[in-house]
């Protein structure tokens, strides 16, 4: 009974880690990354559509994003959506493709991004701790309802703490890697 419950809790923690990674990938470092633009919504024939659904996004160089719309008629709307986004990059269009040159980061912007990354990491840790607390509450309920013994309760809580520690350590490693990435450019 506790094995299944612990697996479900661990799956929730994996999702919390993935959410943090997703937030990190949306932050602009000095390197081009398709995730910087694929979530931009484009007014495609009156329907807000994700850019990744109407164009291919390529990274031919470290600081260049090339967007190739499958429908050339959508280029103007893609360009407008990029300008309206918080990306802060002006697109260059040649009637076939859109090029985005990712500028190098200033030292001030790097420090700002590092603060944001630390805040996102802390939010991820809070999510993990909340999941752990919910897990502890479920374990106590199982013991109270006589579905597990007191020894099983302590063993499950110990295992839950080990899982939590593992994912917090994973988050710290992700933070460390992102900080290195931001300082490298």
N, C-alpha and C. Protein backbone atom coordinates (compact mmCIF):
# COMPACT_ATOMS: atom_id res chain seq x y z
N UNK A 1 0.82 -1.20 0.00
CA UNK A 1 0.00 0.00 0.00
C UNK A 1 0.87 1.27 0.00
N UNK A 2 1.91 1.29 0.85
CA UNK A 2 2.74 2.50 0.91
C UNK A 2 3.63 2.64 -0.32
N UNK A 3 4.03 1.52 -0.94
CA UNK A 3 4.88 1.59 -2.14
C UNK A 3 4.17 2.35 -3.26
N UNK A 4 2.90 2.02 -3.50
CA UNK A 4 2.12 2.69 -4.54
C UNK A 4 1.96 4.17 -4.22
N UNK A 5 1.65 4.44 -2.96
CA UNK A 5 1.47 5.82 -2.52
C UNK A 5 2.77 6.62 -2.69
N UNK A 6 3.90 6.04 -2.31
CA UNK A 6 5.19 6.73 -2.45
C UNK A 6 5.53 6.96 -3.92
N UNK A 7 5.18 6.00 -4.77
CA UNK A 7 5.44 6.18 -6.21
C UNK A 7 4.62 7.35 -6.75
N UNK A 8 3.36 7.43 -6.35
CA UNK A 8 2.51 8.55 -6.80
C UNK A 8 3.07 9.89 -6.32
N UNK A 9 3.55 9.92 -5.08
CA UNK A 9 4.13 11.14 -4.53
C UNK A 9 5.39 11.51 -5.30
N UNK A 10 6.21 10.52 -5.61
CA UNK A 10 7.43 10.78 -6.37
C UNK A 10 7.10 11.30 -7.77
N UNK A 11 6.04 10.77 -8.39
CA UNK A 11 5.61 11.26 -9.71
C UNK A 11 5.21 12.74 -9.63
N UNK A 12 4.52 13.11 -8.54
CA UNK A 12 4.15 14.52 -8.36
C UNK A 12 5.40 15.39 -8.25
N UNK A 13 6.41 14.88 -7.55
CA UNK A 13 7.66 15.64 -7.38
C UNK A 13 8.39 15.78 -8.72
N UNK A 14 8.35 14.73 -9.54
CA UNK A 14 8.96 14.81 -10.87
C UNK A 14 8.29 15.91 -11.69
N UNK A 15 6.96 16.01 -11.59
CA UNK A 15 6.23 17.05 -12.32
C UNK A 15 6.63 18.44 -11.83
N UNK A 16 6.86 18.59 -10.53
CA UNK A 16 7.28 19.88 -9.98
C UNK A 16 8.66 20.26 -10.53
N UNK A 17 9.55 19.27 -10.64
CA UNK A 17 10.89 19.52 -11.21
C UNK A 17 10.76 19.92 -12.67
N UNK A 18 9.91 19.21 -13.42
CA UNK A 18 9.72 19.53 -14.84
C UNK A 18 9.17 20.94 -15.02
N UNK A 19 8.25 21.35 -14.14
CA UNK A 19 7.69 22.70 -14.21
C UNK A 19 8.79 23.74 -14.00
N UNK A 20 9.69 23.48 -13.06
CA UNK A 20 10.81 24.40 -12.82
C UNK A 20 11.73 24.45 -14.04
N UNK A 21 12.03 23.29 -14.61
CA UNK A 21 12.88 23.25 -15.81
C UNK A 21 12.24 24.03 -16.95
N UNK A 22 10.92 23.89 -17.09
CA UNK A 22 10.20 24.60 -18.15
C UNK A 22 10.32 26.11 -17.96
N UNK A 23 10.17 26.55 -16.71
CA UNK A 23 10.30 27.99 -16.43
C UNK A 23 11.72 28.47 -16.75
N UNK A 24 12.72 27.66 -16.42
CA UNK A 24 14.11 28.02 -16.72
C UNK A 24 14.32 28.15 -18.21
N UNK A 25 13.75 27.23 -18.99
CA UNK A 25 13.99 27.23 -20.43
C UNK A 25 13.38 28.47 -21.10
N UNK A 26 12.38 29.07 -20.46
CA UNK A 26 11.76 30.26 -21.03
C UNK A 26 12.54 31.53 -20.73
N UNK A 27 13.50 31.44 -19.80
CA UNK A 27 14.33 32.61 -19.50
C UNK A 27 15.38 32.77 -20.59
N UNK A 28 15.57 33.99 -21.02
CA UNK A 28 16.51 34.24 -22.11
C UNK A 28 17.91 34.39 -21.56
N UNK A 29 18.78 33.48 -21.95
CA UNK A 29 20.20 33.64 -21.65
C UNK A 29 20.82 34.18 -22.93
N UNK A 30 22.11 34.19 -23.04
CA UNK A 30 22.75 34.73 -24.23
C UNK A 30 22.71 33.78 -25.40
N UNK A 31 22.21 32.57 -25.19
CA UNK A 31 22.20 31.54 -26.21
C UNK A 31 20.79 31.38 -26.77
N UNK A 32 20.71 31.16 -28.08
CA UNK A 32 19.41 30.95 -28.73
C UNK A 32 18.85 29.60 -28.30
N UNK A 33 17.55 29.55 -28.10
CA UNK A 33 16.88 28.33 -27.67
C UNK A 33 15.47 28.35 -28.26
N UNK A 34 15.04 27.26 -28.91
CA UNK A 34 13.70 27.25 -29.52
C UNK A 34 12.59 27.55 -28.51
N UNK A 35 12.78 27.17 -27.25
CA UNK A 35 11.75 27.37 -26.24
C UNK A 35 11.48 28.85 -25.98
N UNK A 36 12.42 29.71 -26.39
CA UNK A 36 12.23 31.14 -26.21
C UNK A 36 11.04 31.65 -27.02
N UNK A 37 10.76 31.01 -28.16
CA UNK A 37 9.72 31.52 -29.05
C UNK A 37 8.56 30.55 -29.29
N UNK A 38 8.76 29.27 -29.04
CA UNK A 38 7.71 28.32 -29.43
C UNK A 38 6.39 28.51 -28.69
N UNK A 39 6.41 29.16 -27.53
CA UNK A 39 5.18 29.39 -26.78
C UNK A 39 4.48 30.69 -27.14
N UNK A 40 5.05 31.47 -28.05
CA UNK A 40 4.43 32.73 -28.46
C UNK A 40 3.14 32.43 -29.23
N UNK A 41 2.07 33.14 -28.88
CA UNK A 41 0.78 32.95 -29.55
C UNK A 41 0.67 33.92 -30.73
N UNK A 42 0.34 33.34 -31.88
CA UNK A 42 0.23 34.11 -33.12
C UNK A 42 -1.25 34.13 -33.52
N UNK A 43 -1.73 35.27 -33.96
CA UNK A 43 -3.11 35.39 -34.46
C UNK A 43 -3.13 34.79 -35.87
N UNK A 44 -3.41 33.51 -35.95
CA UNK A 44 -3.37 32.78 -37.22
C UNK A 44 -4.79 32.63 -37.74
N UNK A 45 -5.15 33.46 -38.72
CA UNK A 45 -6.51 33.50 -39.27
C UNK A 45 -7.56 33.60 -38.18
N UNK A 46 -7.31 34.53 -37.24
CA UNK A 46 -8.27 34.80 -36.18
C UNK A 46 -8.21 33.89 -34.98
N UNK A 47 -7.32 32.90 -35.00
CA UNK A 47 -7.20 31.95 -33.90
C UNK A 47 -5.83 32.09 -33.24
N UNK A 48 -5.77 32.31 -31.93
CA UNK A 48 -4.47 32.35 -31.27
C UNK A 48 -3.83 30.96 -31.32
N UNK A 49 -2.69 30.86 -32.01
CA UNK A 49 -2.04 29.57 -32.25
C UNK A 49 -0.59 29.67 -31.80
N UNK A 50 -0.09 28.59 -31.20
CA UNK A 50 1.31 28.56 -30.79
C UNK A 50 2.22 28.62 -32.02
N UNK A 51 3.29 29.38 -31.92
CA UNK A 51 4.23 29.54 -33.02
C UNK A 51 4.76 28.18 -33.48
N UNK A 52 5.05 27.30 -32.52
CA UNK A 52 5.61 25.99 -32.88
C UNK A 52 4.63 25.14 -33.71
N UNK A 53 3.35 25.49 -33.68
CA UNK A 53 2.35 24.74 -34.44
C UNK A 53 2.19 25.22 -35.88
N UNK A 54 2.76 26.40 -36.20
CA UNK A 54 2.59 26.92 -37.56
C UNK A 54 3.92 27.20 -38.26
N UNK A 55 5.04 26.85 -37.59
CA UNK A 55 6.34 27.13 -38.20
C UNK A 55 7.40 26.20 -37.63
N UNK A 56 8.47 26.01 -38.40
CA UNK A 56 9.61 25.28 -37.86
C UNK A 56 10.55 26.30 -37.23
N UNK A 57 11.19 25.89 -36.15
CA UNK A 57 12.09 26.78 -35.41
C UNK A 57 13.45 26.10 -35.36
N UNK A 58 14.46 26.76 -35.92
CA UNK A 58 15.80 26.18 -35.98
C UNK A 58 16.82 27.10 -35.33
N UNK A 59 17.91 26.50 -34.86
CA UNK A 59 19.01 27.24 -34.25
C UNK A 59 20.28 26.91 -35.03
N UNK A 60 20.55 27.62 -36.14
CA UNK A 60 21.74 27.30 -36.93
C UNK A 60 23.04 27.77 -36.28
N UNK A 61 22.96 28.78 -35.41
CA UNK A 61 24.12 29.30 -34.70
C UNK A 61 23.73 29.55 -33.24
N UNK A 62 24.72 29.73 -32.39
CA UNK A 62 24.47 29.91 -30.96
C UNK A 62 23.58 31.10 -30.64
N UNK A 63 23.60 32.14 -31.49
CA UNK A 63 22.82 33.34 -31.19
C UNK A 63 21.77 33.65 -32.25
N UNK A 64 21.37 32.66 -33.02
CA UNK A 64 20.42 32.91 -34.10
C UNK A 64 19.27 31.92 -34.07
N UNK A 65 18.06 32.46 -34.14
CA UNK A 65 16.85 31.63 -34.25
C UNK A 65 16.27 31.90 -35.63
N UNK A 66 16.00 30.83 -36.38
CA UNK A 66 15.40 30.97 -37.70
C UNK A 66 14.01 30.34 -37.65
N UNK A 67 13.00 31.14 -38.02
CA UNK A 67 11.61 30.68 -38.02
C UNK A 67 11.15 30.60 -39.47
N UNK A 68 10.70 29.42 -39.85
CA UNK A 68 10.25 29.19 -41.22
C UNK A 68 8.77 28.81 -41.16
N UNK A 69 7.90 29.76 -41.51
CA UNK A 69 6.45 29.53 -41.44
C UNK A 69 6.03 28.55 -42.54
N UNK A 70 5.16 27.62 -42.19
CA UNK A 70 4.67 26.67 -43.19
C UNK A 70 3.72 27.36 -44.15
N UNK A 71 3.08 28.42 -43.68
CA UNK A 71 2.19 29.23 -44.52
C UNK A 71 2.82 30.62 -44.63
N UNK A 72 3.38 30.98 -45.79
CA UNK A 72 4.03 32.30 -45.93
C UNK A 72 3.11 33.46 -45.60
N UNK A 73 1.81 33.26 -45.70
CA UNK A 73 0.85 34.30 -45.36
C UNK A 73 0.83 34.64 -43.87
N UNK A 74 1.41 33.78 -43.06
CA UNK A 74 1.40 33.99 -41.61
C UNK A 74 2.61 34.79 -41.14
N UNK A 75 3.58 35.08 -42.03
CA UNK A 75 4.80 35.76 -41.62
C UNK A 75 4.56 37.09 -40.92
N UNK A 76 3.67 37.90 -41.46
CA UNK A 76 3.39 39.21 -40.86
C UNK A 76 2.83 39.07 -39.44
N UNK A 77 1.92 38.10 -39.26
CA UNK A 77 1.33 37.88 -37.93
C UNK A 77 2.38 37.33 -36.95
N UNK A 78 3.26 36.46 -37.44
CA UNK A 78 4.33 35.92 -36.59
C UNK A 78 5.23 37.08 -36.15
N UNK A 79 5.61 37.90 -37.10
CA UNK A 79 6.47 39.04 -36.80
C UNK A 79 5.81 39.96 -35.76
N UNK A 80 4.52 40.24 -35.93
CA UNK A 80 3.79 41.09 -35.01
C UNK A 80 3.76 40.46 -33.61
N UNK A 81 3.52 39.15 -33.54
CA UNK A 81 3.45 38.45 -32.25
C UNK A 81 4.81 38.50 -31.53
N UNK A 82 5.89 38.37 -32.29
CA UNK A 82 7.23 38.42 -31.69
C UNK A 82 7.49 39.82 -31.14
N UNK A 83 7.10 40.84 -31.88
CA UNK A 83 7.30 42.21 -31.42
C UNK A 83 6.47 42.51 -30.16
N UNK A 84 5.28 41.92 -30.06
CA UNK A 84 4.41 42.15 -28.91
C UNK A 84 4.81 41.31 -27.70
N UNK A 85 5.61 40.26 -27.92
CA UNK A 85 6.02 39.40 -26.81
C UNK A 85 7.04 40.14 -25.95
N UNK A 86 7.37 39.56 -24.81
CA UNK A 86 8.34 40.17 -23.92
C UNK A 86 9.76 39.74 -24.26
N UNK A 87 9.96 39.20 -25.44
CA UNK A 87 11.26 38.67 -25.84
C UNK A 87 12.31 39.77 -25.97
N UNK A 88 11.89 40.93 -26.45
CA UNK A 88 12.82 42.04 -26.57
C UNK A 88 13.78 41.92 -27.75
N UNK A 89 13.40 41.16 -28.77
CA UNK A 89 14.23 40.99 -29.96
C UNK A 89 13.41 41.42 -31.17
N UNK A 90 14.02 42.23 -32.02
CA UNK A 90 13.34 42.68 -33.24
C UNK A 90 13.58 41.66 -34.35
N UNK A 91 12.51 41.12 -34.94
CA UNK A 91 12.67 40.13 -36.01
C UNK A 91 13.10 40.77 -37.33
N UNK A 92 13.89 40.02 -38.10
CA UNK A 92 14.27 40.43 -39.45
C UNK A 92 13.63 39.45 -40.42
N UNK A 93 12.83 39.97 -41.36
CA UNK A 93 12.08 39.12 -42.28
C UNK A 93 12.55 39.35 -43.71
N UNK A 94 12.62 38.26 -44.48
CA UNK A 94 12.95 38.41 -45.91
C UNK A 94 11.88 37.76 -46.79
N UNK A 95 10.62 37.83 -46.37
CA UNK A 95 9.46 37.29 -47.08
C UNK A 95 9.42 35.76 -47.15
N UNK A 96 10.40 35.07 -46.60
CA UNK A 96 10.37 33.61 -46.55
C UNK A 96 10.59 33.12 -45.13
N UNK A 97 11.57 33.69 -44.47
CA UNK A 97 11.89 33.28 -43.10
C UNK A 97 12.07 34.50 -42.20
N UNK A 98 12.01 34.24 -40.89
CA UNK A 98 12.23 35.29 -39.90
C UNK A 98 13.49 34.90 -39.13
N UNK A 99 14.38 35.87 -39.00
CA UNK A 99 15.61 35.66 -38.23
C UNK A 99 15.54 36.49 -36.95
N UNK A 100 15.94 35.86 -35.85
CA UNK A 100 16.04 36.57 -34.58
C UNK A 100 17.47 36.44 -34.09
N UNK A 101 18.16 37.56 -33.96
CA UNK A 101 19.52 37.54 -33.43
C UNK A 101 19.43 37.81 -31.94
N UNK A 102 19.88 36.85 -31.15
CA UNK A 102 19.81 36.96 -29.70
C UNK A 102 21.02 37.78 -29.23
N UNK A 103 20.78 38.96 -28.67
CA UNK A 103 21.91 39.78 -28.22
C UNK A 103 22.57 39.21 -26.97
N UNK A 104 23.83 39.57 -26.79
CA UNK A 104 24.55 39.16 -25.58
C UNK A 104 23.92 39.86 -24.38
N UNK A 105 24.01 39.22 -23.23
CA UNK A 105 23.43 39.79 -22.02
C UNK A 105 24.39 40.78 -21.37
N UNK A 106 23.84 41.85 -20.83
CA UNK A 106 24.66 42.77 -20.04
C UNK A 106 24.87 42.14 -18.67
N UNK A 107 25.88 42.59 -17.95
CA UNK A 107 26.16 42.05 -16.62
C UNK A 107 24.97 42.29 -15.68
N UNK A 108 24.36 43.46 -15.82
CA UNK A 108 23.20 43.79 -14.99
C UNK A 108 22.05 42.81 -15.24
N UNK A 109 21.79 42.51 -16.51
CA UNK A 109 20.71 41.58 -16.88
C UNK A 109 21.03 40.17 -16.38
N UNK A 110 22.30 39.78 -16.45
CA UNK A 110 22.70 38.46 -15.94
C UNK A 110 22.36 38.33 -14.46
N UNK A 111 22.72 39.35 -13.68
CA UNK A 111 22.45 39.33 -12.24
C UNK A 111 20.95 39.28 -11.97
N UNK A 112 20.19 40.02 -12.77
CA UNK A 112 18.74 40.02 -12.65
C UNK A 112 18.19 38.62 -12.93
N UNK A 113 18.69 37.98 -14.00
CA UNK A 113 18.23 36.63 -14.35
C UNK A 113 18.62 35.62 -13.28
N UNK A 114 19.79 35.77 -12.69
CA UNK A 114 20.22 34.85 -11.63
C UNK A 114 19.27 34.96 -10.43
N UNK A 115 18.86 36.19 -10.10
CA UNK A 115 17.88 36.37 -9.01
C UNK A 115 16.57 35.68 -9.35
N UNK A 116 16.12 35.83 -10.60
CA UNK A 116 14.87 35.19 -11.03
C UNK A 116 14.99 33.67 -10.95
N UNK A 117 16.13 33.16 -11.39
CA UNK A 117 16.36 31.71 -11.37
C UNK A 117 16.33 31.18 -9.93
N UNK A 118 16.94 31.93 -9.02
CA UNK A 118 16.94 31.51 -7.61
C UNK A 118 15.52 31.54 -7.04
N UNK A 119 14.74 32.53 -7.44
CA UNK A 119 13.35 32.64 -6.97
C UNK A 119 12.52 31.46 -7.50
N UNK A 120 12.70 31.13 -8.79
CA UNK A 120 11.99 30.01 -9.40
C UNK A 120 12.37 28.70 -8.70
N UNK A 121 13.67 28.56 -8.38
CA UNK A 121 14.13 27.36 -7.68
C UNK A 121 13.49 27.26 -6.30
N UNK A 122 13.42 28.38 -5.60
CA UNK A 122 12.82 28.38 -4.27
C UNK A 122 11.34 28.01 -4.36
N UNK A 123 10.65 28.49 -5.40
CA UNK A 123 9.24 28.11 -5.60
C UNK A 123 9.12 26.60 -5.86
N UNK A 124 10.10 26.05 -6.60
CA UNK A 124 10.12 24.61 -6.84
C UNK A 124 10.30 23.84 -5.55
N UNK A 125 11.18 24.33 -4.68
CA UNK A 125 11.41 23.68 -3.38
C UNK A 125 10.14 23.73 -2.52
N UNK A 126 9.45 24.87 -2.56
CA UNK A 126 8.20 25.00 -1.80
C UNK A 126 7.18 23.98 -2.32
N UNK A 127 7.12 23.80 -3.64
CA UNK A 127 6.21 22.79 -4.21
C UNK A 127 6.56 21.40 -3.70
N UNK A 128 7.86 21.08 -3.69
CA UNK A 128 8.30 19.76 -3.21
C UNK A 128 7.92 19.58 -1.74
N UNK A 129 8.13 20.61 -0.94
CA UNK A 129 7.81 20.50 0.49
C UNK A 129 6.30 20.35 0.71
N UNK A 130 5.52 21.03 -0.12
CA UNK A 130 4.07 20.91 -0.02
C UNK A 130 3.64 19.49 -0.36
N UNK A 131 4.23 18.93 -1.41
CA UNK A 131 3.92 17.55 -1.80
C UNK A 131 4.31 16.60 -0.66
N UNK A 132 5.49 16.85 -0.05
CA UNK A 132 5.93 16.02 1.07
C UNK A 132 4.94 16.11 2.22
N UNK A 133 4.49 17.33 2.56
CA UNK A 133 3.57 17.51 3.67
C UNK A 133 2.24 16.80 3.39
N UNK A 134 1.75 16.90 2.16
CA UNK A 134 0.53 16.18 1.79
C UNK A 134 0.74 14.68 1.95
N UNK A 135 1.92 14.22 1.57
CA UNK A 135 2.25 12.80 1.72
C UNK A 135 2.26 12.36 3.17
N UNK A 136 2.87 13.19 4.02
CA UNK A 136 2.90 12.86 5.46
C UNK A 136 1.49 12.80 6.03
N UNK A 137 0.63 13.74 5.58
CA UNK A 137 -0.76 13.74 6.06
C UNK A 137 -1.47 12.45 5.63
N UNK A 138 -1.23 12.00 4.39
CA UNK A 138 -1.85 10.76 3.91
C UNK A 138 -1.35 9.55 4.70
N UNK A 139 -0.06 9.55 5.01
CA UNK A 139 0.51 8.45 5.79
C UNK A 139 -0.14 8.39 7.17
N UNK A 140 -0.29 9.56 7.82
CA UNK A 140 -0.92 9.60 9.14
C UNK A 140 -2.36 9.11 9.07
N UNK A 141 -3.05 9.48 7.99
CA UNK A 141 -4.43 9.04 7.81
C UNK A 141 -4.49 7.52 7.65
N UNK A 142 -3.55 6.97 6.87
CA UNK A 142 -3.51 5.51 6.69
C UNK A 142 -3.30 4.80 8.03
N UNK A 143 -2.42 5.36 8.86
CA UNK A 143 -2.16 4.74 10.16
C UNK A 143 -3.40 4.88 11.06
N UNK A 144 -4.00 6.05 11.03
CA UNK A 144 -5.18 6.30 11.87
C UNK A 144 -6.33 5.36 11.49
N UNK A 145 -6.46 5.10 10.18
CA UNK A 145 -7.51 4.20 9.69
C UNK A 145 -7.12 2.73 9.82
N UNK A 146 -5.97 2.47 10.46
CA UNK A 146 -5.47 1.11 10.72
C UNK A 146 -5.15 0.34 9.43
N UNK A 147 -4.81 1.08 8.35
CA UNK A 147 -4.44 0.42 7.10
C UNK A 147 -2.96 0.09 7.07
N UNK A 148 -2.18 0.80 7.90
CA UNK A 148 -0.76 0.48 8.05
C UNK A 148 -0.41 0.54 9.53
N UNK A 149 0.66 -0.16 9.89
CA UNK A 149 1.09 -0.16 11.29
C UNK A 149 1.93 1.09 11.58
N UNK A 150 2.24 1.28 12.86
CA UNK A 150 3.06 2.43 13.24
C UNK A 150 4.46 2.32 12.63
N UNK A 151 5.02 1.10 12.61
CA UNK A 151 6.34 0.88 12.01
C UNK A 151 6.33 1.22 10.52
N UNK A 152 5.25 0.80 9.83
CA UNK A 152 5.13 1.11 8.40
C UNK A 152 5.03 2.62 8.18
N UNK A 153 4.34 3.29 9.12
CA UNK A 153 4.19 4.75 9.03
C UNK A 153 5.57 5.40 9.10
N UNK A 154 6.39 4.99 10.10
CA UNK A 154 7.72 5.60 10.24
C UNK A 154 8.60 5.28 9.03
N UNK A 155 8.51 4.06 8.54
CA UNK A 155 9.30 3.67 7.36
C UNK A 155 8.88 4.49 6.14
N UNK A 156 7.56 4.67 5.96
CA UNK A 156 7.05 5.44 4.82
C UNK A 156 7.47 6.91 4.93
N UNK A 157 7.41 7.46 6.14
CA UNK A 157 7.81 8.87 6.32
C UNK A 157 9.31 9.04 6.03
N UNK A 158 10.09 8.07 6.46
CA UNK A 158 11.54 8.11 6.21
C UNK A 158 11.83 8.05 4.71
N UNK A 159 11.12 7.14 4.03
CA UNK A 159 11.30 7.01 2.58
C UNK A 159 10.84 8.28 1.86
N UNK A 160 9.74 8.86 2.32
CA UNK A 160 9.22 10.11 1.75
C UNK A 160 10.26 11.22 1.89
N UNK A 161 10.92 11.29 3.06
CA UNK A 161 11.94 12.31 3.27
C UNK A 161 13.14 12.09 2.34
N UNK A 162 13.53 10.84 2.13
CA UNK A 162 14.64 10.53 1.22
C UNK A 162 14.31 10.98 -0.20
N UNK A 163 13.08 10.70 -0.62
CA UNK A 163 12.64 11.10 -1.97
C UNK A 163 12.67 12.62 -2.08
N UNK A 164 12.15 13.31 -1.06
CA UNK A 164 12.13 14.78 -1.06
C UNK A 164 13.54 15.33 -1.13
N UNK A 165 14.45 14.80 -0.32
CA UNK A 165 15.85 15.26 -0.32
C UNK A 165 16.48 15.07 -1.68
N UNK A 166 16.18 13.95 -2.33
CA UNK A 166 16.74 13.66 -3.66
C UNK A 166 16.30 14.73 -4.66
N UNK A 167 15.01 15.07 -4.66
CA UNK A 167 14.51 16.03 -5.63
C UNK A 167 14.94 17.47 -5.31
N UNK A 168 15.11 17.78 -4.04
CA UNK A 168 15.64 19.10 -3.69
C UNK A 168 17.09 19.21 -4.17
N UNK A 169 17.84 18.12 -4.02
CA UNK A 169 19.22 18.11 -4.51
C UNK A 169 19.24 18.26 -6.04
N UNK A 170 18.30 17.60 -6.72
CA UNK A 170 18.18 17.74 -8.19
C UNK A 170 17.91 19.20 -8.57
N UNK A 171 17.01 19.85 -7.83
CA UNK A 171 16.69 21.26 -8.10
C UNK A 171 17.93 22.14 -7.92
N UNK A 172 18.69 21.88 -6.88
CA UNK A 172 19.89 22.67 -6.63
C UNK A 172 20.91 22.48 -7.75
N UNK A 173 21.00 21.27 -8.29
CA UNK A 173 21.91 21.00 -9.40
C UNK A 173 21.44 21.75 -10.66
N UNK A 174 20.14 21.75 -10.90
CA UNK A 174 19.58 22.47 -12.05
C UNK A 174 19.87 23.97 -11.90
N UNK A 175 19.71 24.49 -10.70
CA UNK A 175 20.01 25.91 -10.42
C UNK A 175 21.48 26.20 -10.71
N UNK A 176 22.34 25.34 -10.21
CA UNK A 176 23.79 25.52 -10.41
C UNK A 176 24.13 25.55 -11.90
N UNK A 177 23.55 24.63 -12.66
CA UNK A 177 23.81 24.57 -14.11
C UNK A 177 23.30 25.83 -14.80
N UNK A 178 22.11 26.30 -14.41
CA UNK A 178 21.54 27.49 -15.04
C UNK A 178 22.38 28.73 -14.71
N UNK A 179 22.87 28.82 -13.47
CA UNK A 179 23.72 29.94 -13.09
C UNK A 179 25.01 29.94 -13.92
N UNK A 180 25.60 28.77 -14.11
CA UNK A 180 26.82 28.66 -14.93
C UNK A 180 26.52 29.11 -16.36
N UNK A 181 25.38 28.69 -16.89
CA UNK A 181 24.98 29.06 -18.25
C UNK A 181 24.84 30.58 -18.37
N UNK A 182 24.20 31.19 -17.37
CA UNK A 182 23.99 32.64 -17.41
C UNK A 182 25.31 33.41 -17.27
N UNK A 183 26.24 32.89 -16.50
CA UNK A 183 27.52 33.57 -16.30
C UNK A 183 28.48 33.35 -17.47
N UNK A 184 28.22 32.31 -18.28
CA UNK A 184 29.15 31.94 -19.34
C UNK A 184 29.14 32.89 -20.53
N UNK A 185 28.05 33.59 -20.75
CA UNK A 185 27.97 34.42 -21.96
C UNK A 185 28.31 35.86 -21.69
